[in-house]
Amino acid sequence: MVDLRLTWLDFVIFGGQLTISVLIGVYFGFRKKKKDQDDYLVGGKTNIYAVAASLVASNVAGATLVSIPSDIYQFGAMYLWAPVAHGIVIICTLFVTMPVFTNLDCSSVFYYLELRFNRKVRLMASALYVPQLILFCPTVIYVPSVILTQMTGYSTTLIAVLVCVICIGYTSLGGFNAVVWTDTLQTVLINACLIVVLIFGFNTSGGLGAVWSEAVKGGRLDVLQFDFDFTTRDSSYIILFGQTLIYLVAVGVGQPTLQRLKSLQTKGESRRVMALVYLGLVTINTLVVLIGLALYARYSTCDPLLDNKIQNYDQIVSYFVMDVGGHIPGLPGLFVAGIFSAGLSSLSTGLNSVAAIIYTDFLEGFDSIAKHRNVALKLIVLLCGGLCVVLTCIIPYFGGVLPAIISFLGVFGGPILGIFMLGLAFPKSNTTGTLVGGGAAFVFVTWLSIGHYYYKNKGWIRDITKPISIEECDSISNLTAKVETSFVPHEDVFILYKISYWYYTSISFLATVCVGFVISLLTRKKSDMVSPELISPWFRFLLPEDKKNRKSHRYSTIIKSSDIKLQTLQ
């Protein structure tokens, strides 16, 4: 019987991590006031290694450390394709999106859309981004809360409140700098946690060779599956398409990326940071894939869920840690600290970004609020953090943490990415086309996701897992056959509802771009003109020759207005 209880040493390690995070926020919150009014959002000059670590940590939620190994255990190691997706994302970020965004004097990435189109498009994209982040943040609270509940017996809601209060505290006090430096600490803890867990996991399973052999035997390494059946999970395209676009939303046009790159001094620093981010993401992805394979090697003959050792697969990693290393003093505490580090990092980044977007896009025009800028930003963080705690109760209805995250990004993130791509890569796109395209894609994929999860909760749709065995479960007698892993969806389910949630981002992105571009061509006027500075350098060849070096009157007017506003703030 596996003892899931934490010892006093585990609580010391875990408590120490939370205490240091709070102290960093207190330090940046109460140190001498800075001259730059934007320091709360972009932090001024910042160490490039800290910026890189912050970007890595903010894109590695607790779901990455817990749900991806669990997903590999059930469906196979398709995440081996993730480095390809990450490479595409880093290249696009460096050479397609950020060269345009970082040249603008603003703290909100959506300011670009007002320059390129008009304020309506900016507000539409912001209105999609804010709920995306607010719905994403509960998932990063939920993961560590469930794990600590499993190990302590305390209420998941109580733990979620505690996590949120701590994170809100140091985020609202210290702003951008507190987020970056706590992220740096948390990146170290995340990697330490993964490496130690992996070492003990391999040791108990006979080493890398034995783990790899068992994974091959169980079909977990069948990763060359190029199947265009969008209703299945067993395809390499879920990572090559889905993961690429999901990370483009988070990194390529993400508010956190703009805030961090704006804190750097040169383009050379930005490139070094993004190279380090790629290295960090690939390292963590490799570790979680190997942990997922070690999970399967350990439980290939006795599934802990069917053996009633866990309540759902989101708990399998923490069960694995206690199973293989619970007797090692401090290891469970390091694991909990690592999971909480990932959750706190993603939550703090999300709250800081939401504050930046809500203030700059919706509230900055009110003089009475602008006079109390920092107070308003901190209140936004407090209110959004409280809402995140309440929303943790919806996560179980998505069948796990990972499906919830992927679905939210598909519904909200795909249209956002499509709107930005219409602006950056299609000079002929206009305001009308962009608004129609983004709105149509959002409505369509929302309808798809509602239908999918309605029938999934009824049991009419189900993801097909790889073979799972209960042959050697001591507590399950007279059962030696492998669990059935085939499933025929109910015939009354509409075909589009059967599409895997992994493709939602791709569908909503393509719908936004295709519909938006066609409508733009149909409604385009001769007076529509775009400044070359607002088109990505890789796509300026699409501009007419006579417009490649001209700035539109509207662009110059808004930039001049923006400069006056910035001088007033300073």
Protein backbone atom coordinates (compact mmCIF):
# COMPACT_ATOMS: atom_id res chain seq x y z
CA MET A 1 0.00 0.00 0.00
CA VAL A 2 1.44 3.37 -1.05
CA ASP A 3 1.55 5.97 1.75
CA LEU A 4 0.55 9.32 0.20
CA ARG A 5 1.08 11.43 3.33
CA LEU A 6 3.66 14.22 3.46
CA THR A 7 6.24 14.45 6.25
CA TRP A 8 7.36 17.55 8.16
CA LEU A 9 10.43 17.85 5.88
CA ASP A 10 8.17 17.90 2.81
CA PHE A 11 6.14 20.73 4.32
CA VAL A 12 9.34 22.65 5.13
CA ILE A 13 10.54 22.42 1.50
CA PHE A 14 7.13 23.34 0.12
CA GLY A 15 6.62 26.15 2.65
CA GLY A 16 10.08 27.53 1.95
CA GLN A 17 9.30 27.84 -1.75
CA LEU A 18 6.08 29.77 -1.05
CA THR A 19 7.81 32.02 1.50
CA ILE A 20 10.60 32.98 -0.90
CA SER A 21 8.04 33.78 -3.63
CA VAL A 22 6.17 36.10 -1.24
CA LEU A 23 9.38 37.80 -0.08
CA ILE A 24 10.35 38.55 -3.70
CA GLY A 25 6.99 40.25 -4.20
CA VAL A 26 7.37 42.21 -0.96
CA TYR A 27 10.87 43.35 -1.98
CA PHE A 28 9.81 44.69 -5.36
CA GLY A 29 6.61 46.12 -3.91
CA PHE A 30 8.24 48.23 -1.21
CA ARG A 31 11.67 49.12 -2.58
CA LYS A 32 12.41 52.69 -3.71
CA LYS A 33 9.89 53.97 -6.24
CA LYS A 34 11.05 53.74 -9.85
CA LYS A 35 11.15 56.60 -12.30
CA ASP A 36 9.49 54.71 -15.15
CA GLN A 37 5.72 54.63 -14.88
CA ASP A 38 5.61 51.39 -16.93
CA ASP A 39 7.80 49.36 -14.54
CA TYR A 40 4.77 47.64 -13.02
CA LEU A 41 4.01 46.17 -16.45
CA VAL A 42 7.36 45.86 -18.26
CA GLY A 43 9.92 46.22 -15.49
CA GLY A 44 12.63 48.35 -17.06
CA LYS A 45 16.02 46.77 -17.81
CA THR A 46 15.94 43.10 -16.81
CA ASN A 47 18.52 40.30 -16.80
CA ILE A 48 18.20 38.22 -19.99
CA TYR A 49 18.52 34.91 -18.15
CA ALA A 50 15.75 35.90 -15.77
CA VAL A 51 13.56 36.93 -18.72
CA ALA A 52 14.21 33.61 -20.48
CA ALA A 53 13.49 31.63 -17.32
CA SER A 54 10.29 33.61 -16.81
CA LEU A 55 9.07 32.89 -20.35
CA VAL A 56 9.82 29.19 -19.92
CA ALA A 57 8.10 28.98 -16.53
CA SER A 58 5.05 30.97 -17.65
CA ASN A 59 4.52 28.56 -20.56
CA VAL A 60 4.96 25.45 -18.40
CA ALA A 61 1.81 25.12 -16.32
CA GLY A 62 1.25 22.42 -13.74
CA ALA A 63 -0.70 20.65 -16.50
CA THR A 64 2.58 20.18 -18.35
CA LEU A 65 4.19 18.44 -15.39
CA VAL A 66 1.16 16.36 -14.42
CA SER A 67 -1.29 16.03 -17.29
CA ILE A 68 1.19 15.42 -20.13
CA PRO A 69 2.86 12.38 -18.47
CA SER A 70 -0.65 11.13 -17.71
CA ASP A 71 -1.67 11.74 -21.33
CA ILE A 72 1.39 9.80 -22.56
CA TYR A 73 0.52 6.93 -20.24
CA GLN A 74 -2.96 6.75 -21.79
CA PHE A 75 -2.46 7.77 -25.43
CA GLY A 76 1.23 7.50 -26.28
CA ALA A 77 4.25 9.78 -26.66
CA MET A 78 3.12 12.04 -29.52
CA TYR A 79 4.74 14.86 -27.53
CA LEU A 80 8.05 13.73 -29.00
CA TRP A 81 7.05 15.99 -31.90
CA ALA A 82 6.80 19.04 -29.63
CA PRO A 83 10.39 20.30 -30.29
CA VAL A 84 9.42 20.71 -33.96
CA ALA A 85 6.39 22.77 -32.94
CA HIS A 86 8.45 24.83 -30.48
CA GLY A 87 11.08 25.55 -33.16
CA ILE A 88 8.46 26.85 -35.59
CA VAL A 89 6.96 29.03 -32.85
CA ILE A 90 10.30 30.57 -31.83
CA ILE A 91 11.18 31.40 -35.46
CA CYS A 92 7.77 32.97 -36.09
CA THR A 93 8.00 34.96 -32.84
CA LEU A 94 11.45 36.34 -33.64
CA PHE A 95 10.94 37.14 -37.32
CA VAL A 96 7.18 37.50 -37.95
CA THR A 97 5.33 38.91 -34.94
CA MET A 98 7.61 40.56 -32.36
CA PRO A 99 9.66 42.73 -34.80
CA VAL A 100 6.42 44.66 -35.37
CA PHE A 101 5.07 44.63 -31.80
CA THR A 102 8.25 45.65 -29.96
CA ASN A 103 8.61 48.79 -32.09
CA LEU A 104 5.36 50.16 -30.66
CA ASP A 105 5.39 52.31 -27.50
CA CYS A 106 2.81 50.38 -25.52
CA SER A 107 2.34 47.73 -22.84
CA SER A 108 -0.50 45.95 -24.63
CA VAL A 109 0.07 43.71 -27.64
CA PHE A 110 -3.45 44.57 -28.82
CA TYR A 111 -2.48 48.19 -29.39
CA TYR A 112 -1.08 46.95 -32.71
CA LEU A 113 -4.60 46.04 -33.87
CA GLU A 114 -5.83 49.60 -33.32
CA LEU A 115 -3.02 50.89 -35.52
CA ARG A 116 -3.53 48.23 -38.19
CA PHE A 117 -7.36 48.30 -38.23
CA ASN A 118 -9.25 50.35 -35.64
CA ARG A 119 -10.23 50.36 -31.98
CA LYS A 120 -13.14 47.96 -32.53
CA VAL A 121 -10.78 45.20 -33.67
CA ARG A 122 -8.46 45.90 -30.74
CA LEU A 123 -11.32 45.64 -28.24
CA MET A 124 -12.66 42.50 -29.88
CA ALA A 125 -9.30 40.73 -29.59
CA SER A 126 -8.85 41.95 -26.01
CA ALA A 127 -12.35 40.77 -25.17
CA LEU A 128 -11.36 37.29 -26.40
CA TYR A 129 -7.99 37.29 -24.65
CA VAL A 130 -9.19 38.30 -21.18
CA PRO A 131 -11.68 35.42 -20.75
CA GLN A 132 -9.14 33.02 -22.26
CA LEU A 133 -6.65 33.90 -19.52
CA ILE A 134 -9.27 33.98 -16.78
CA LEU A 135 -10.49 30.52 -17.82
CA PHE A 136 -6.91 29.23 -18.18
CA CYS A 137 -5.77 30.39 -14.75
CA PRO A 138 -8.14 28.08 -12.79
CA THR A 139 -6.55 25.07 -14.53
CA VAL A 140 -3.13 25.98 -13.15
CA ILE A 141 -4.61 26.35 -9.65
CA TYR A 142 -6.55 23.11 -9.94
CA VAL A 143 -3.54 20.85 -10.63
CA PRO A 144 -1.50 21.57 -7.48
CA SER A 145 -4.68 21.78 -5.40
CA VAL A 146 -5.80 18.27 -6.41
CA ILE A 147 -2.32 16.86 -5.74
CA LEU A 148 -2.04 18.44 -2.30
CA THR A 149 -5.55 17.25 -1.48
CA GLN A 150 -4.46 13.74 -2.46
CA MET A 151 -1.44 13.97 -0.16
CA THR A 152 -2.96 15.80 2.82
CA GLY A 153 -6.71 15.29 2.73
CA TYR A 154 -7.36 19.03 2.89
CA SER A 155 -10.15 20.55 0.79
CA THR A 156 -9.26 21.30 -2.83
CA THR A 157 -11.14 24.59 -2.57
CA LEU A 158 -9.22 25.62 0.55
CA ILE A 159 -5.89 24.88 -1.11
CA ALA A 160 -6.96 26.73 -4.29
CA VAL A 161 -7.79 29.80 -2.20
CA LEU A 162 -4.40 29.60 -0.45
CA VAL A 163 -2.49 29.31 -3.73
CA CYS A 164 -4.39 32.20 -5.26
CA VAL A 165 -3.98 34.47 -2.23
CA ILE A 166 -0.20 33.93 -2.19
CA CYS A 167 0.12 34.48 -5.93
CA ILE A 168 -2.16 37.52 -5.93
CA GLY A 169 -0.13 38.93 -3.08
CA TYR A 170 3.28 38.92 -4.71
CA THR A 171 1.92 39.71 -8.20
CA SER A 172 -0.07 42.76 -7.06
CA LEU A 173 2.73 44.02 -4.80
CA GLY A 174 5.77 43.57 -7.03
CA GLY A 175 4.29 43.68 -10.53
CA PHE A 176 6.42 42.62 -13.50
CA ASN A 177 9.75 42.31 -11.66
CA ALA A 178 8.26 40.11 -8.94
CA VAL A 179 6.74 37.86 -11.59
CA VAL A 180 10.03 37.55 -13.52
CA TRP A 181 12.21 36.75 -10.50
CA THR A 182 9.76 34.35 -8.88
CA ASP A 183 9.49 32.66 -12.28
CA THR A 184 13.28 32.27 -12.28
CA LEU A 185 13.20 30.55 -8.89
CA GLN A 186 10.31 28.40 -10.02
CA THR A 187 12.05 27.34 -13.25
CA VAL A 188 14.93 25.96 -11.17
CA LEU A 189 12.50 24.07 -8.92
CA ILE A 190 10.52 22.71 -11.89
CA ASN A 191 13.63 21.24 -13.51
CA ALA A 192 14.96 19.89 -10.22
CA CYS A 193 11.61 18.24 -9.53
CA LEU A 194 11.44 16.60 -12.96
CA ILE A 195 15.04 15.34 -12.93
CA VAL A 196 14.80 13.79 -9.46
CA VAL A 197 11.44 12.13 -10.19
CA LEU A 198 12.79 10.78 -13.48
CA ILE A 199 15.91 9.32 -11.85
CA PHE A 200 13.90 7.41 -9.25
CA GLY A 201 11.33 6.37 -11.84
CA PHE A 202 13.97 4.87 -14.12
CA ASN A 203 15.74 3.25 -11.17
CA THR A 204 12.60 1.35 -10.09
CA SER A 205 11.77 0.28 -13.66
CA GLY A 206 15.19 -1.11 -14.60
CA GLY A 207 16.68 1.88 -16.41
CA LEU A 208 16.08 3.67 -19.71
CA GLY A 209 16.44 0.51 -21.79
CA ALA A 210 13.75 -1.36 -19.85
CA VAL A 211 11.41 1.65 -19.88
CA TRP A 212 11.85 2.12 -23.63
CA SER A 213 11.31 -1.59 -24.34
CA GLU A 214 8.09 -1.68 -22.29
CA ALA A 215 6.83 1.49 -24.00
CA VAL A 216 7.44 -0.02 -27.44
CA LYS A 217 5.64 -3.22 -26.43
CA GLY A 218 2.64 -1.22 -25.18
CA GLY A 219 2.43 0.94 -28.31
CA ARG A 220 3.37 4.16 -26.48
CA LEU A 221 6.10 4.96 -29.02
CA ASP A 222 3.97 4.56 -32.15
CA VAL A 223 4.51 8.22 -33.01
CA LEU A 224 4.65 7.98 -36.82
CA GLN A 225 0.88 8.08 -37.20
CA PHE A 226 0.06 10.60 -39.95
CA ASP A 227 -3.69 10.06 -39.96
CA PHE A 228 -6.04 12.81 -41.17
CA ASP A 229 -8.93 11.40 -39.13
CA PHE A 230 -9.63 14.46 -36.96
CA THR A 231 -11.82 12.47 -34.57
CA THR A 232 -8.90 10.43 -33.21
CA ARG A 233 -6.25 11.24 -30.63
CA ASP A 234 -3.77 8.82 -32.21
CA SER A 235 -2.19 11.11 -34.80
CA SER A 236 1.08 13.03 -35.04
CA TYR A 237 -0.85 16.01 -36.40
CA ILE A 238 -2.33 16.81 -32.99
CA ILE A 239 1.14 18.06 -32.03
CA LEU A 240 2.47 19.26 -35.41
CA PHE A 241 -0.67 21.34 -36.03
CA GLY A 242 -2.34 21.72 -32.66
CA GLN A 243 0.71 22.34 -30.47
CA THR A 244 2.29 24.74 -32.97
CA LEU A 245 -0.76 26.99 -33.11
CA ILE A 246 -1.40 26.74 -29.37
CA TYR A 247 2.13 27.95 -28.61
CA LEU A 248 1.86 30.64 -31.28
CA VAL A 249 -1.11 32.00 -29.35
CA ALA A 250 0.78 31.86 -26.05
CA VAL A 251 4.22 32.95 -27.27
CA GLY A 252 4.02 34.39 -30.78
CA VAL A 253 1.26 36.94 -30.11
CA GLY A 254 1.20 36.58 -26.33
CA GLN A 255 1.05 39.53 -23.97
CA PRO A 256 3.70 37.96 -21.63
CA THR A 257 6.18 37.71 -24.51
CA LEU A 258 5.77 41.38 -25.43
CA GLN A 259 6.15 42.49 -21.81
CA ARG A 260 9.36 40.50 -21.37
CA LEU A 261 10.98 41.40 -24.69
CA LYS A 262 10.15 45.09 -24.12
CA SER A 263 12.24 44.90 -20.93
CA LEU A 264 15.35 44.06 -23.00
CA GLN A 265 17.66 46.59 -24.60
CA THR A 266 18.60 45.17 -28.02
CA LYS A 267 17.40 42.76 -30.71
CA GLY A 268 20.45 40.63 -29.99
CA GLU A 269 19.26 40.14 -26.40
CA SER A 270 15.80 39.20 -27.67
CA ARG A 271 17.27 36.52 -29.93
CA ARG A 272 19.40 35.10 -27.14
CA VAL A 273 16.39 35.02 -24.83
CA MET A 274 14.23 33.18 -27.37
CA ALA A 275 17.03 30.67 -28.04
CA LEU A 276 17.19 30.00 -24.29
CA VAL A 277 13.40 29.70 -24.18
CA TYR A 278 13.53 27.05 -26.92
CA LEU A 279 16.22 25.15 -25.04
CA GLY A 280 14.19 25.34 -21.82
CA LEU A 281 10.94 24.20 -23.43
CA VAL A 282 12.62 21.29 -25.22
CA THR A 283 14.38 20.22 -22.01
CA ILE A 284 11.18 20.21 -19.97
CA ASN A 285 9.24 18.49 -22.76
CA THR A 286 11.89 15.74 -22.94
CA LEU A 287 11.74 15.20 -19.19
CA VAL A 288 7.94 14.98 -19.04
CA VAL A 289 7.85 12.57 -22.01
CA LEU A 290 10.37 10.29 -20.28
CA ILE A 291 8.37 10.49 -17.05
CA GLY A 292 5.25 9.51 -19.01
CA LEU A 293 7.06 6.47 -20.41
CA ALA A 294 8.36 5.58 -16.94
CA LEU A 295 4.77 5.75 -15.70
CA TYR A 296 3.70 3.22 -18.28
CA ALA A 297 6.64 0.92 -17.57
CA ARG A 298 5.75 0.97 -13.87
CA TYR A 299 2.01 0.34 -14.30
CA SER A 300 1.87 -1.55 -17.60
CA THR A 301 0.44 -4.64 -15.87
CA CYS A 302 -1.72 -2.95 -13.24
CA ASP A 303 -3.49 0.30 -13.96
CA PRO A 304 -3.80 2.29 -10.68
CA LEU A 305 -7.15 3.84 -11.67
CA LEU A 306 -8.79 0.48 -12.33
CA ASP A 307 -7.09 -0.83 -9.19
CA ASN A 308 -8.86 1.95 -7.23
CA LYS A 309 -5.58 3.51 -6.09
CA ILE A 310 -6.44 6.89 -7.65
CA GLN A 311 -9.69 8.66 -8.53
CA ASN A 312 -8.64 10.02 -11.94
CA TYR A 313 -5.60 10.07 -14.21
CA ASP A 314 -4.65 13.60 -13.14
CA GLN A 315 -3.50 11.96 -9.88
CA ILE A 316 -1.32 9.27 -11.45
CA VAL A 317 1.92 11.31 -11.42
CA SER A 318 1.67 12.18 -7.73
CA TYR A 319 0.80 8.53 -6.97
CA PHE A 320 3.88 7.50 -8.99
CA VAL A 321 6.10 9.90 -7.02
CA MET A 322 4.95 8.50 -3.69
CA ASP A 323 5.16 4.94 -5.02
CA VAL A 324 8.77 5.13 -6.23
CA GLY A 325 10.17 7.82 -3.93
CA GLY A 326 7.84 8.31 -0.98
CA HIS A 327 10.45 6.72 1.28
CA ILE A 328 13.09 9.30 0.25
CA PRO A 329 13.10 12.20 2.78
CA GLY A 330 12.09 15.45 1.09
CA LEU A 331 11.36 14.03 -2.40
CA PRO A 332 7.56 14.40 -2.15
CA GLY A 333 8.07 17.93 -0.83
CA LEU A 334 10.32 18.77 -3.80
CA PHE A 335 7.70 17.36 -6.16
CA VAL A 336 4.90 19.40 -4.59
CA ALA A 337 7.13 22.51 -4.66
CA GLY A 338 7.84 21.93 -8.35
CA ILE A 339 4.16 21.49 -9.23
CA PHE A 340 3.21 24.57 -7.22
CA SER A 341 6.06 26.48 -8.87
CA ALA A 342 4.63 25.74 -12.31
CA GLY A 343 1.14 26.71 -11.16
CA LEU A 344 2.23 29.91 -9.42
CA SER A 345 4.35 30.95 -12.39
CA SER A 346 1.55 30.54 -14.93
CA LEU A 347 -0.99 32.15 -12.60
CA SER A 348 1.18 35.17 -11.79
CA THR A 349 2.00 35.71 -15.47
CA GLY A 350 -1.67 35.39 -16.38
CA LEU A 351 -2.80 37.86 -13.72
CA ASN A 352 -0.10 40.38 -14.64
CA SER A 353 -1.05 40.11 -18.33
CA VAL A 354 -4.79 40.42 -17.62
CA ALA A 355 -4.10 43.54 -15.59
CA ALA A 356 -2.11 45.04 -18.47
CA ILE A 357 -4.80 44.27 -21.05
CA ILE A 358 -7.82 45.38 -19.02
CA TYR A 359 -6.17 48.62 -17.94
CA THR A 360 -4.56 49.69 -21.23
CA ASP A 361 -7.40 48.55 -23.51
CA PHE A 362 -10.50 49.32 -21.46
CA LEU A 363 -9.74 51.70 -18.57
CA GLU A 364 -6.82 53.94 -19.53
CA GLY A 365 -9.05 56.48 -21.25
CA PHE A 366 -10.79 57.37 -17.98
CA ASP A 367 -8.89 60.22 -16.31
CA SER A 368 -10.17 59.39 -12.83
CA ILE A 369 -8.73 55.85 -13.13
CA ALA A 370 -5.50 56.94 -14.82
CA LYS A 371 -4.68 59.14 -11.80
CA HIS A 372 -4.61 56.00 -9.63
CA ARG A 373 -2.96 53.70 -12.17
CA ASN A 374 -1.08 51.31 -9.88
CA VAL A 375 -4.02 50.98 -7.50
CA ALA A 376 -6.28 50.12 -10.43
CA LEU A 377 -3.82 47.50 -11.70
CA LYS A 378 -3.60 45.85 -8.27
CA LEU A 379 -7.38 45.81 -7.91
CA ILE A 380 -7.70 44.11 -11.31
CA VAL A 381 -5.25 41.42 -10.16
CA LEU A 382 -7.24 40.91 -6.95
CA LEU A 383 -10.61 40.65 -8.70
CA CYS A 384 -9.39 38.32 -11.46
CA GLY A 385 -7.60 36.12 -8.93
CA GLY A 386 -10.78 35.76 -6.91
CA LEU A 387 -12.74 34.84 -10.03
CA CYS A 388 -10.13 32.18 -10.87
CA VAL A 389 -10.71 30.47 -7.52
CA VAL A 390 -14.46 30.29 -8.17
CA LEU A 391 -13.95 28.86 -11.66
CA THR A 392 -11.85 25.90 -10.47
CA CYS A 393 -15.11 24.00 -9.95
CA ILE A 394 -15.75 23.70 -13.73
CA ILE A 395 -12.52 21.84 -14.57
CA PRO A 396 -13.77 18.29 -13.80
CA TYR A 397 -16.52 18.62 -16.42
CA PHE A 398 -13.90 18.71 -19.20
CA GLY A 399 -12.62 15.21 -18.42
CA GLY A 400 -9.32 16.46 -17.03
CA VAL A 401 -7.03 19.48 -16.96
CA LEU A 402 -5.39 19.09 -20.34
CA PRO A 403 -8.66 18.90 -22.36
CA ALA A 404 -9.87 22.04 -20.55
CA ILE A 405 -6.73 24.01 -21.43
CA ILE A 406 -6.69 22.89 -25.07
CA SER A 407 -10.39 23.63 -25.50
CA PHE A 408 -10.16 27.15 -24.00
CA LEU A 409 -7.23 27.96 -26.30
CA GLY A 410 -9.17 26.67 -29.29
CA VAL A 411 -12.28 28.72 -28.61
CA PHE A 412 -10.52 31.98 -27.70
CA GLY A 413 -6.92 31.68 -28.86
CA GLY A 414 -7.50 30.55 -32.45
CA PRO A 415 -9.54 33.63 -33.43
CA ILE A 416 -6.99 35.89 -31.70
CA LEU A 417 -4.12 34.34 -33.66
CA GLY A 418 -6.14 34.60 -36.86
CA ILE A 419 -6.89 38.28 -36.26
CA PHE A 420 -3.20 39.05 -35.75
CA MET A 421 -2.19 37.05 -38.83
CA LEU A 422 -4.73 38.94 -40.95
CA GLY A 423 -3.03 42.14 -39.85
CA LEU A 424 0.58 41.00 -40.09
CA ALA A 425 0.54 38.81 -43.19
CA PHE A 426 -2.36 40.00 -45.38
CA PRO A 427 -2.04 43.65 -46.46
CA LYS A 428 -5.41 43.52 -48.19
CA SER A 429 -7.33 42.54 -45.06
CA ASN A 430 -9.52 45.28 -43.61
CA THR A 431 -11.54 46.02 -40.49
CA THR A 432 -14.83 44.57 -41.71
CA GLY A 433 -13.28 41.29 -42.82
CA THR A 434 -11.31 40.90 -39.60
CA LEU A 435 -14.31 41.52 -37.36
CA VAL A 436 -16.51 39.11 -39.32
CA GLY A 437 -13.80 36.44 -39.55
CA GLY A 438 -12.94 36.54 -35.84
CA GLY A 439 -16.58 36.59 -34.76
CA ALA A 440 -17.60 33.75 -37.08
CA ALA A 441 -14.71 31.54 -35.96
CA PHE A 442 -15.45 32.16 -32.28
CA VAL A 443 -19.14 31.29 -32.67
CA PHE A 444 -18.42 28.20 -34.77
CA VAL A 445 -15.80 26.64 -32.46
CA THR A 446 -17.83 27.53 -29.35
CA TRP A 447 -20.72 25.60 -30.88
CA LEU A 448 -18.38 22.67 -31.68
CA SER A 449 -16.96 22.53 -28.16
CA ILE A 450 -20.36 22.77 -26.44
CA GLY A 451 -21.69 19.92 -28.56
CA HIS A 452 -18.54 17.83 -28.07
CA TYR A 453 -18.51 18.08 -24.28
CA TYR A 454 -22.28 17.65 -24.00
CA TYR A 455 -22.09 14.27 -25.70
CA LYS A 456 -18.81 13.42 -23.99
CA ASN A 457 -20.41 13.86 -20.56
CA LYS A 458 -23.29 11.65 -21.73
CA GLY A 459 -20.74 8.95 -22.64
CA TRP A 460 -21.54 9.07 -26.36
CA ILE A 461 -18.04 10.33 -27.27
CA ARG A 462 -14.86 8.97 -25.75
CA ASP A 463 -11.12 9.24 -26.40
CA ILE A 464 -9.66 5.82 -27.22
CA THR A 465 -6.67 4.95 -25.05
CA LYS A 466 -3.79 2.61 -25.78
CA PRO A 467 -4.05 -0.87 -24.21
CA ILE A 468 -4.24 -0.75 -20.40
CA SER A 469 -3.76 -3.91 -18.35
CA ILE A 470 -4.93 -5.18 -14.94
CA GLU A 471 -3.21 -8.56 -15.22
CA GLU A 472 -1.12 -8.28 -12.07
CA CYS A 473 -3.36 -6.19 -9.83
CA ASP A 474 -3.41 -7.91 -6.42
CA SER A 475 -6.74 -6.41 -5.41
CA ILE A 476 -8.53 -7.42 -8.62
CA SER A 477 -9.06 -11.17 -8.74
CA ASN A 478 -9.90 -13.42 -11.68
CA LEU A 479 -9.19 -10.67 -14.23
CA THR A 480 -6.30 -11.37 -16.55
CA ALA A 481 -7.46 -9.95 -19.87
CA LYS A 482 -6.49 -6.50 -21.02
CA VAL A 483 -9.05 -3.75 -20.64
CA GLU A 484 -11.09 -3.04 -23.75
CA THR A 485 -9.86 0.11 -25.46
CA SER A 486 -12.14 0.21 -28.49
CA PHE A 487 -15.24 2.38 -28.63
CA VAL A 488 -17.89 3.14 -31.25
CA PRO A 489 -19.40 6.64 -30.89
CA HIS A 490 -23.19 6.88 -30.64
CA GLU A 491 -24.75 7.05 -34.10
CA ASP A 492 -26.86 10.09 -33.19
CA VAL A 493 -23.79 12.29 -32.58
CA PHE A 494 -23.31 14.88 -35.33
CA ILE A 495 -20.02 14.24 -37.17
CA LEU A 496 -18.49 17.67 -36.36
CA TYR A 497 -19.00 17.10 -32.63
CA LYS A 498 -16.68 14.09 -32.89
CA ILE A 499 -13.69 16.23 -33.88
CA SER A 500 -10.95 16.08 -31.27
CA TYR A 501 -10.52 19.22 -29.16
CA TRP A 502 -6.85 19.22 -30.22
CA TYR A 503 -7.91 20.64 -33.59
CA TYR A 504 -10.08 23.48 -32.24
CA THR A 505 -7.25 26.03 -32.40
CA SER A 506 -6.42 25.04 -35.99
CA ILE A 507 -10.07 25.23 -37.04
CA SER A 508 -10.75 28.60 -35.43
CA PHE A 509 -7.46 30.05 -36.76
CA LEU A 510 -8.13 28.92 -40.34
CA ALA A 511 -11.78 30.02 -40.17
CA THR A 512 -10.75 33.50 -39.01
CA VAL A 513 -8.13 33.91 -41.74
CA CYS A 514 -10.19 32.44 -44.60
CA VAL A 515 -13.48 34.17 -43.79
CA GLY A 516 -11.71 37.40 -42.86
CA PHE A 517 -9.68 37.56 -46.06
CA VAL A 518 -12.62 36.78 -48.35
CA ILE A 519 -14.84 39.39 -46.67
CA SER A 520 -11.96 41.88 -46.86
CA LEU A 521 -11.67 41.38 -50.61
CA LEU A 522 -15.43 41.85 -51.02
CA THR A 523 -15.62 45.03 -48.90
CA ARG A 524 -12.22 46.58 -49.62
CA LYS A 525 -12.13 50.25 -50.63
CA LYS A 526 -9.47 52.12 -52.57
CA SER A 527 -8.97 54.38 -49.55
CA ASP A 528 -7.86 51.39 -47.42
CA MET A 529 -4.13 51.73 -46.96
CA VAL A 530 -1.72 50.11 -44.53
CA SER A 531 1.69 51.33 -43.40
CA PRO A 532 4.59 48.95 -44.15
CA GLU A 533 5.65 49.16 -40.48
CA LEU A 534 2.46 47.29 -39.54
CA ILE A 535 3.14 44.36 -41.87
CA SER A 536 5.55 41.63 -40.83
CA PRO A 537 8.95 41.95 -42.60
CA TRP A 538 8.46 38.50 -44.16
CA PHE A 539 5.21 39.58 -45.82
CA ARG A 540 5.98 43.11 -47.01
CA PHE A 541 6.62 41.76 -50.51
CA LEU A 542 2.81 41.51 -50.80
CA LEU A 543 2.48 45.30 -50.59
CA PRO A 544 2.12 47.25 -53.85
CA GLU A 545 5.43 48.81 -54.91
CA ASP A 546 4.14 52.37 -54.49
CA LYS A 547 3.10 51.69 -50.86
CA LYS A 548 6.11 49.81 -49.52
CA ASN A 549 7.77 52.93 -48.13
CA ARG A 550 4.72 55.01 -47.25
CA LYS A 551 3.06 55.56 -43.89
CA SER A 552 -0.69 55.98 -43.80
CA HIS A 553 -2.03 59.26 -42.43
CA ARG A 554 -4.01 57.36 -39.80
CA TYR A 555 -0.88 55.50 -38.57
CA SER A 556 1.05 58.76 -38.15
CA THR A 557 -1.88 60.39 -36.35
CA ILE A 558 -2.29 57.57 -33.82
CA ILE A 559 1.47 57.33 -33.19
CA LYS A 560 1.63 61.08 -32.57
CA SER A 561 -1.36 60.87 -30.22
CA SER A 562 0.27 57.95 -28.41
CA ASP A 563 3.53 59.89 -27.95
CA ILE A 564 1.63 62.82 -26.40
CA LYS A 565 -0.16 60.44 -24.02
CA LEU A 566 3.13 58.80 -22.98
CA GLN A 567 4.74 62.21 -22.33
CA THR A 568 1.74 63.16 -20.18
CA LEU A 569 2.07 59.96 -18.11
CA GLN A 570 5.77 60.63 -17.54
